[in-house]
C-alpha atoms as a PDB file:
ATOM      1  CA  MET A   1      17.671  -5.122   6.709  1.00  0.00           C
ATOM      2  CA  PRO A   2      18.222  -5.957   3.050  1.00  0.00           C
ATOM      3  CA  GLU A   3      18.205  -2.890   0.785  1.00  0.00           C
ATOM      4  CA  GLN A   4      15.887  -4.697  -1.637  1.00  0.00           C
ATOM      5  CA  THR A   5      13.317  -5.211   1.145  1.00  0.00           C
ATOM      6  CA  PHE A   6      13.514  -1.552   2.177  1.00  0.00           C
ATOM      7  CA  ARG A   7      13.061  -0.413  -1.443  1.00  0.00           C
ATOM      8  CA  LEU A   8      10.202  -2.840  -2.053  1.00  0.00           C
ATOM      9  CA  VAL A   9       8.203  -1.702   0.983  1.00  0.00           C
ATOM     10  CA  THR A  10       8.765   2.016   0.345  1.00  0.00           C
ATOM     11  CA  LEU A  11       7.816   1.671  -3.339  1.00  0.00           C
ATOM     12  CA  ILE A  12       4.618  -0.177  -2.462  1.00  0.00           C
ATOM     13  CA  ALA A  13       3.771   2.535   0.076  1.00  0.00           C
ATOM     14  CA  ALA A  14       4.491   5.331  -2.401  1.00  0.00           C
ATOM     15  CA  TYR A  15       2.411   3.786  -5.189  1.00  0.00           C
ATOM     16  CA  SER A  16      -0.495   2.440  -3.117  1.00  0.00           C
ATOM     17  CA  GLY A  17      -0.901   4.484   0.061  1.00  0.00           C
ATOM     18  CA  MET A  18      -1.045   1.272   2.090  1.00  0.00           C
ATOM     19  CA  ARG A  19      -0.057   1.310   5.764  1.00  0.00           C
ATOM     20  CA  LEU A  20       3.314  -0.145   6.799  1.00  0.00           C
ATOM     21  CA  GLY A  21       1.648  -2.994   8.699  1.00  0.00           C
ATOM     22  CA  GLU A  22      -0.579  -3.807   5.729  1.00  0.00           C
ATOM     23  CA  ILE A  23       2.399  -4.073   3.394  1.00  0.00           C
ATOM     24  CA  CYS A  24       4.584  -6.072   5.761  1.00  0.00           C
ATOM     25  CA  THR A  25       1.883  -8.658   6.489  1.00  0.00           C
ATOM     26  CA  LEU A  26       0.941  -9.323   2.848  1.00  0.00           C
ATOM     27  CA  ARG A  27       1.044 -13.030   2.095  1.00  0.00           C
ATOM     28  CA  LYS A  28       1.842 -14.460  -1.313  1.00  0.00           C
ATOM     29  CA  GLU A  29      -1.816 -15.442  -1.675  1.00  0.00           C
ATOM     30  CA  ASP A  30      -2.765 -11.795  -0.999  1.00  0.00           C
ATOM     31  CA  LEU A  31      -1.551 -10.920  -4.501  1.00  0.00           C
ATOM     32  CA  GLN A  32      -4.509 -11.857  -6.700  1.00  0.00           C
ATOM     33  CA  ASN A  33      -6.089 -10.967 -10.017  1.00  0.00           C
ATOM     34  CA  ILE A  34      -9.488  -9.361  -9.518  1.00  0.00           C
ATOM     35  CA  ASP A  35     -11.414  -8.711 -12.729  1.00  0.00           C
ATOM     36  CA  GLY A  36      -8.126  -9.180 -14.613  1.00  0.00           C
ATOM     37  CA  VAL A  37      -6.308  -6.580 -12.468  1.00  0.00           C
ATOM     38  CA  PRO A  38      -3.457  -7.593 -10.124  1.00  0.00           C
ATOM     39  CA  CYS A  39      -4.391  -6.481  -6.603  1.00  0.00           C
ATOM     40  CA  PHE A  40      -2.967  -6.565  -3.094  1.00  0.00           C
ATOM     41  CA  MET A  41      -5.656  -8.043  -0.838  1.00  0.00           C
ATOM     42  CA  VAL A  42      -5.612  -6.425   2.598  1.00  0.00           C
ATOM     43  CA  ARG A  43      -7.515  -8.843   4.810  1.00  0.00           C
ATOM     44  CA  PRO A  44      -7.366 -10.636   8.151  1.00  0.00           C
ATOM     45  CA  HIS A  45      -4.980 -13.578   8.579  1.00  0.00           C
ATOM     46  CA  SER A  46      -6.514 -16.089  10.945  1.00  0.00           C
ATOM     47  CA  ASP A  47      -3.306 -18.069  11.501  1.00  0.00           C
ATOM     48  CA  ASP A  48      -1.509 -15.227  13.303  1.00  0.00           C
ATOM     49  CA  GLY A  49      -4.482 -13.063  14.317  1.00  0.00           C
ATOM     50  CA  TRP A  50      -3.452 -10.048  12.219  1.00  0.00           C
ATOM     51  CA  THR A  51      -6.380  -7.860  11.177  1.00  0.00           C
ATOM     52  CA  PRO A  52      -6.628  -4.601   9.234  1.00  0.00           C
ATOM     53  CA  LYS A  53      -7.064  -1.429  11.279  1.00  0.00           C
ATOM     54  CA  THR A  54     -10.807  -1.043  10.563  1.00  0.00           C
ATOM     55  CA  ASP A  55     -13.538  -2.832   8.616  1.00  0.00           C
ATOM     56  CA  ALA A  56     -13.000  -0.336   5.772  1.00  0.00           C
ATOM     57  CA  SER A  57      -9.322  -1.316   5.715  1.00  0.00           C
ATOM     58  CA  THR A  58     -10.204  -4.772   4.396  1.00  0.00           C
ATOM     59  CA  ARG A  59      -9.943  -4.171   0.666  1.00  0.00           C
ATOM     60  CA  GLY A  60      -8.306  -4.873  -2.648  1.00  0.00           C
ATOM     61  CA  VAL A  61      -5.669  -2.387  -3.819  1.00  0.00           C
ATOM     62  CA  PRO A  62      -4.768  -2.545  -7.529  1.00  0.00           C
ATOM     63  CA  VAL A  63      -1.041  -2.885  -8.136  1.00  0.00           C
ATOM     64  CA  HIS A  64       0.259   0.311  -9.784  1.00  0.00           C
ATOM     65  CA  SER A  65       1.861  -0.145 -13.217  1.00  0.00           C
ATOM     66  CA  LYS A  66       5.170   1.228 -11.849  1.00  0.00           C
ATOM     67  CA  LEU A  67       5.214  -1.601  -9.284  1.00  0.00           C
ATOM     68  CA  ILE A  68       4.504  -4.125 -12.023  1.00  0.00           C
ATOM     69  CA  GLU A  69       7.362  -2.658 -14.114  1.00  0.00           C
ATOM     70  CA  ALA A  70       9.630  -2.923 -11.055  1.00  0.00           C
ATOM     71  CA  GLY A  71       8.894  -6.645 -10.773  1.00  0.00           C
ATOM     72  CA  VAL A  72       6.635  -6.814  -7.707  1.00  0.00           C
ATOM     73  CA  LEU A  73       4.460  -9.564  -9.198  1.00  0.00           C
ATOM     74  CA  ALA A  74       7.448 -11.936  -9.280  1.00  0.00           C
ATOM     75  CA  PHE A  75       7.609 -11.878  -5.474  1.00  0.00           C
ATOM     76  CA  LYS A  76       4.489 -14.053  -5.393  1.00  0.00           C
ATOM     77  CA  ASN A  77       6.558 -16.935  -6.747  1.00  0.00           C
ATOM     78  CA  ASN A  78      10.049 -16.056  -5.519  1.00  0.00           C
ATOM     79  CA  ALA A  79       9.628 -14.981  -1.921  1.00  0.00           C
ATOM     80  CA  ASP A  80      10.730 -17.430   0.755  1.00  0.00           C
ATOM     81  CA  GLY A  81       8.099 -18.361   3.308  1.00  0.00           C
ATOM     82  CA  PRO A  82       4.469 -17.264   3.309  1.00  0.00           C
ATOM     83  CA  TYR A  83       5.031 -13.495   3.100  1.00  0.00           C
ATOM     84  CA  LEU A  84       5.170 -11.493  -0.116  1.00  0.00           C
ATOM     85  CA  VAL A  85       7.881  -9.187   1.255  1.00  0.00           C
ATOM     86  CA  PRO A  86      11.006 -11.134   2.219  1.00  0.00           C
ATOM     87  CA  GLY A  87      13.649 -10.097   4.731  1.00  0.00           C
ATOM     88  CA  LEU A  88      11.433  -8.816   7.562  1.00  0.00           C
ATOM     89  CA  GLU A  89      11.446 -10.128  11.102  1.00  0.00           C
ATOM     90  CA  THR A  90       8.530 -10.142  13.527  1.00  0.00           C
ATOM     91  CA  SER A  91       9.149  -8.107  16.686  1.00  0.00           C
ATOM     92  CA  LYS A  92       8.643  -9.465  20.208  1.00  0.00           C
ATOM     93  CA  GLN A  93       5.329  -7.584  20.186  1.00  0.00           C
ATOM     94  CA  GLY A  94       4.260  -9.491  17.060  1.00  0.00           C
ATOM     95  CA  ALA A  95       4.622  -6.593  14.601  1.00  0.00           C
ATOM     96  CA  ARG A  96       6.146  -7.543  11.275  1.00  0.00           C
ATOM     97  CA  GLY A  97       8.038  -4.580   9.845  1.00  0.00           C
ATOM     98  CA  ALA A  98       8.778  -2.700  13.079  1.00  0.00           C
ATOM     99  CA  ALA A  99      12.497  -2.782  12.209  1.00  0.00           C
ATOM    100  CA  LEU A 100      11.731  -1.267   8.817  1.00  0.00           C
ATOM    101  CA  GLY A 101       9.882   1.608  10.507  1.00  0.00           C
ATOM    102  CA  ARG A 102      12.921   2.228  12.708  1.00  0.00           C
ATOM    103  CA  ALA A 103      15.279   2.008   9.711  1.00  0.00           C
ATOM    104  CA  PHE A 104      13.138   4.542   7.848  1.00  0.00           C
ATOM    105  CA  SER A 105      13.262   6.882  10.848  1.00  0.00           C
ATOM    106  CA  LEU A 106      17.056   6.611  11.078  1.00  0.00           C
ATOM    107  CA  LEU A 107      17.486   7.207   7.341  1.00  0.00           C
ATOM    108  CA  LYS A 108      15.253  10.275   7.239  1.00  0.00           C
ATOM    109  CA  THR A 109      17.098  11.752  10.256  1.00  0.00           C
ATOM    110  CA  ARG A 110      20.458  11.044   8.612  1.00  0.00           C
ATOM    111  CA  ILE A 111      19.447  12.814   5.381  1.00  0.00           C
ATOM    112  CA  GLY A 112      18.013  15.774   7.272  1.00  0.00           C
ATOM    113  CA  LEU A 113      14.253  15.336   6.910  1.00  0.00           C
ATOM    114  CA  PRO A 114      12.176  16.912   9.684  1.00  0.00           C
ATOM    115  CA  ALA A 115      10.827  14.834  12.579  1.00  0.00           C
ATOM    116  CA  GLU A 116       7.242  15.173  11.356  1.00  0.00           C
ATOM    117  CA  ILE A 117       8.090  13.086   8.267  1.00  0.00           C
ATOM    118  CA  THR A 118       7.291   9.460   9.102  1.00  0.00           C
ATOM    119  CA  PHE A 119       6.636   6.309   7.105  1.00  0.00           C
ATOM    120  CA  HIS A 120       2.942   7.178   7.373  1.00  0.00           C
ATOM    121  CA  SER A 121       3.731  10.300   5.306  1.00  0.00           C
ATOM    122  CA  PHE A 122       3.549   8.085   2.209  1.00  0.00           C
ATOM    123  CA  ARG A 123      -0.202   7.677   2.879  1.00  0.00           C
ATOM    124  CA  HIS A 124      -0.626  11.433   3.253  1.00  0.00           C
ATOM    125  CA  THR A 125       1.296  12.052   0.035  1.00  0.00           C
ATOM    126  CA  VAL A 126      -0.851   9.558  -1.893  1.00  0.00           C
ATOM    127  CA  SER A 127      -4.047  11.015  -0.443  1.00  0.00           C
ATOM    128  CA  THR A 128      -2.994  14.564  -1.335  1.00  0.00           C
ATOM    129  CA  GLN A 129      -1.927  13.567  -4.859  1.00  0.00           C
ATOM    130  CA  LEU A 130      -5.225  11.827  -5.541  1.00  0.00           C
ATOM    131  CA  ARG A 131      -7.340  14.648  -4.161  1.00  0.00           C
ATOM    132  CA  ASN A 132      -5.412  17.150  -6.297  1.00  0.00           C
ATOM    133  CA  ALA A 133      -5.267  14.963  -9.419  1.00  0.00           C
ATOM    134  CA  ASP A 134      -6.481  16.374 -12.685  1.00  0.00           C
ATOM    135  CA  ALA A 135      -8.507  13.229 -13.337  1.00  0.00           C
ATOM    136  CA  ASN A 136     -12.047  11.993 -13.026  1.00  0.00           C
ATOM    137  CA  ILE A 137     -11.591  10.405  -9.591  1.00  0.00           C
ATOM    138  CA  ARG A 138     -14.402  10.317  -7.068  1.00  0.00           C
ATOM    139  CA  GLU A 139     -13.750  10.906  -3.375  1.00  0.00           C
ATOM    140  CA  VAL A 140     -15.311   7.536  -2.446  1.00  0.00           C
ATOM    141  CA  TRP A 141     -12.823   5.776  -4.756  1.00  0.00           C
ATOM    142  CA  ILE A 142      -9.936   7.433  -2.904  1.00  0.00           C
ATOM    143  CA  ASP A 143     -11.422   6.468   0.452  1.00  0.00           C
ATOM    144  CA  ARG A 144     -11.862   2.850  -0.681  1.00  0.00           C
ATOM    145  CA  LEU A 145      -8.320   2.668  -2.059  1.00  0.00           C
ATOM    146  CA  LEU A 146      -6.854   3.982   1.211  1.00  0.00           C
ATOM    147  CA  GLY A 147      -9.131   1.901   3.432  1.00  0.00           C
ATOM    148  CA  HIS A 148     -10.924   4.893   4.938  1.00  0.00           C
ATOM    149  CA  GLU A 149     -14.547   5.118   5.892  1.00  0.00           C
ATOM    150  CA  ALA A 150     -16.316   7.174   3.219  1.00  0.00           C
ATOM    151  CA  THR A 151     -15.932  10.868   4.040  1.00  0.00           C
ATOM    152  CA  HIS A 152     -19.102  11.627   2.094  1.00  0.00           C
ATOM    153  CA  LYS A 153     -21.925  10.206   4.207  1.00  0.00           C
ATOM    154  CA  SER A 154     -24.884  10.951   1.941  1.00  0.00           C
ATOM    155  CA  GLN A 155     -27.846   8.558   1.790  1.00  0.00           C
ATOM    156  CA  GLY A 156     -26.697   7.468  -1.654  1.00  0.00           C
ATOM    157  CA  THR A 157     -23.197   6.638  -0.438  1.00  0.00           C
ATOM    158  CA  THR A 158     -24.190   4.829   2.734  1.00  0.00           C
ATOM    159  CA  THR A 159     -27.239   2.956   1.394  1.00  0.00           C
ATOM    160  CA  TYR A 160     -26.752   2.355  -2.311  1.00  0.00           C
ATOM    161  CA  LEU A 161     -22.992   2.259  -2.916  1.00  0.00           C
ATOM    162  CA  THR A 162     -22.162  -1.375  -2.275  1.00  0.00           C
ATOM    163  CA  SER A 163     -19.073  -1.807  -4.412  1.00  0.00           C
ATOM    164  CA  ILE A 164     -16.633   0.150  -6.479  1.00  0.00           C
ATOM    165  CA  SER A 165     -15.344  -1.557  -9.594  1.00  0.00           C
ATOM    166  CA  THR A 166     -11.763  -2.725  -9.763  1.00  0.00           C
ATOM    167  CA  ALA A 167     -11.430  -0.671 -12.963  1.00  0.00           C
ATOM    168  CA  ASN A 168     -12.299   2.517 -11.042  1.00  0.00           C
ATOM    169  CA  LEU A 169      -9.841   1.652  -8.264  1.00  0.00           C
ATOM    170  CA  ARG A 170      -7.180   0.960 -10.894  1.00  0.00           C
ATOM    171  CA  GLN A 171      -7.847   4.369 -12.473  1.00  0.00           C
ATOM    172  CA  THR A 172      -7.468   5.883  -9.011  1.00  0.00           C
ATOM    173  CA  VAL A 173      -4.174   4.142  -8.180  1.00  0.00           C
ATOM    174  CA  GLU A 174      -2.745   4.991 -11.621  1.00  0.00           C
ATOM    175  CA  ALA A 175      -3.235   8.709 -10.847  1.00  0.00           C
ATOM    176  CA  ILE A 176      -0.369   8.412  -8.336  1.00  0.00           C
ATOM    177  CA  SER A 177       2.782   9.736  -9.974  1.00  0.00           C
ATOM    178  CA  TYR A 178       6.245  10.968  -9.077  1.00  0.00           C
ATOM    179  CA  PRO A 179       9.035  12.661 -11.044  1.00  0.00           C
ATOM    180  CA  GLU A 180      11.269  10.137 -12.793  1.00  0.00           C
ATOM    181  CA  THR A 181      14.116  11.078 -10.439  1.00  0.00           C
ATOM    182  CA  ALA A 182      12.140  10.279  -7.266  1.00  0.00           C
ATOM    183  CA  PHE A 183      12.930   6.565  -7.393  1.00  0.00           C
ATOM    184  CA  LYS A 184      16.210   6.125  -9.250  1.00  0.00           C
ATOM    185  CA  LYS A 185      16.404   2.342  -8.989  1.00  0.00           C
ATOM    186  CA  THR A 186      13.032   0.661  -9.155  1.00  0.00           C
ATOM    187  CA  ALA A 187      13.670  -2.825 -10.564  1.00  0.00           C
ATOM    188  CA  PHE A 188      14.073  -5.754  -8.161  1.00  0.00           C
END
C-alpha cells in the first residue's frame, strides 16, 4: 500500500473520527462545500450498494483545518478513478480498505502497541477529546459529527432538533487537536 494513502486515511480518521469504511469509500463528489465549509459527505452509493452503518451515519463532516493545510482538498481533482482516496483495492468481500486495516494492525504490532489498539481507536480518541474539550460544544453536535444516534433523548432533542448548523459542526471538528509531534509529515 502506498505510504501516502496510509497517511491520508489515518490523518482523516484522526481529525474527523470517521470510520475506516466511511473514509475508504469517499468519492470525489463526496467532498463538497456546505454553507461555505468543505465537508466530507458520508452517504449511500447506489452504484456499488455501499451504505453507512446506520441512518445517523449519513452526514456531512467538516474538513478539519489541519487536513486542509495537508492538502486533502486537492485529492478531489487529482485522484485517479471515482474515489477520493487513491491506492486502495476492494477485497473479494467488497470492502474497500480492508488491506489498510490489516496494514495498520501489522504496524501497531511491530511498534509495540497493545492488541486492544485498533484503527477504530481513532474514533474513540476523537470522541474522548471532544467530550473533554474546553470549548462550548454540545453533546448532540459530537453525536452528529461521529454519526451516532443522539445520546440525549429528551423531547426537545428528538422532536425539535432537526438540524445542526455546519458552523457548529465545524466548531466541533476544530476542537480536535494533537501535539505538533504527533503527525510529523502531514503534507501530501
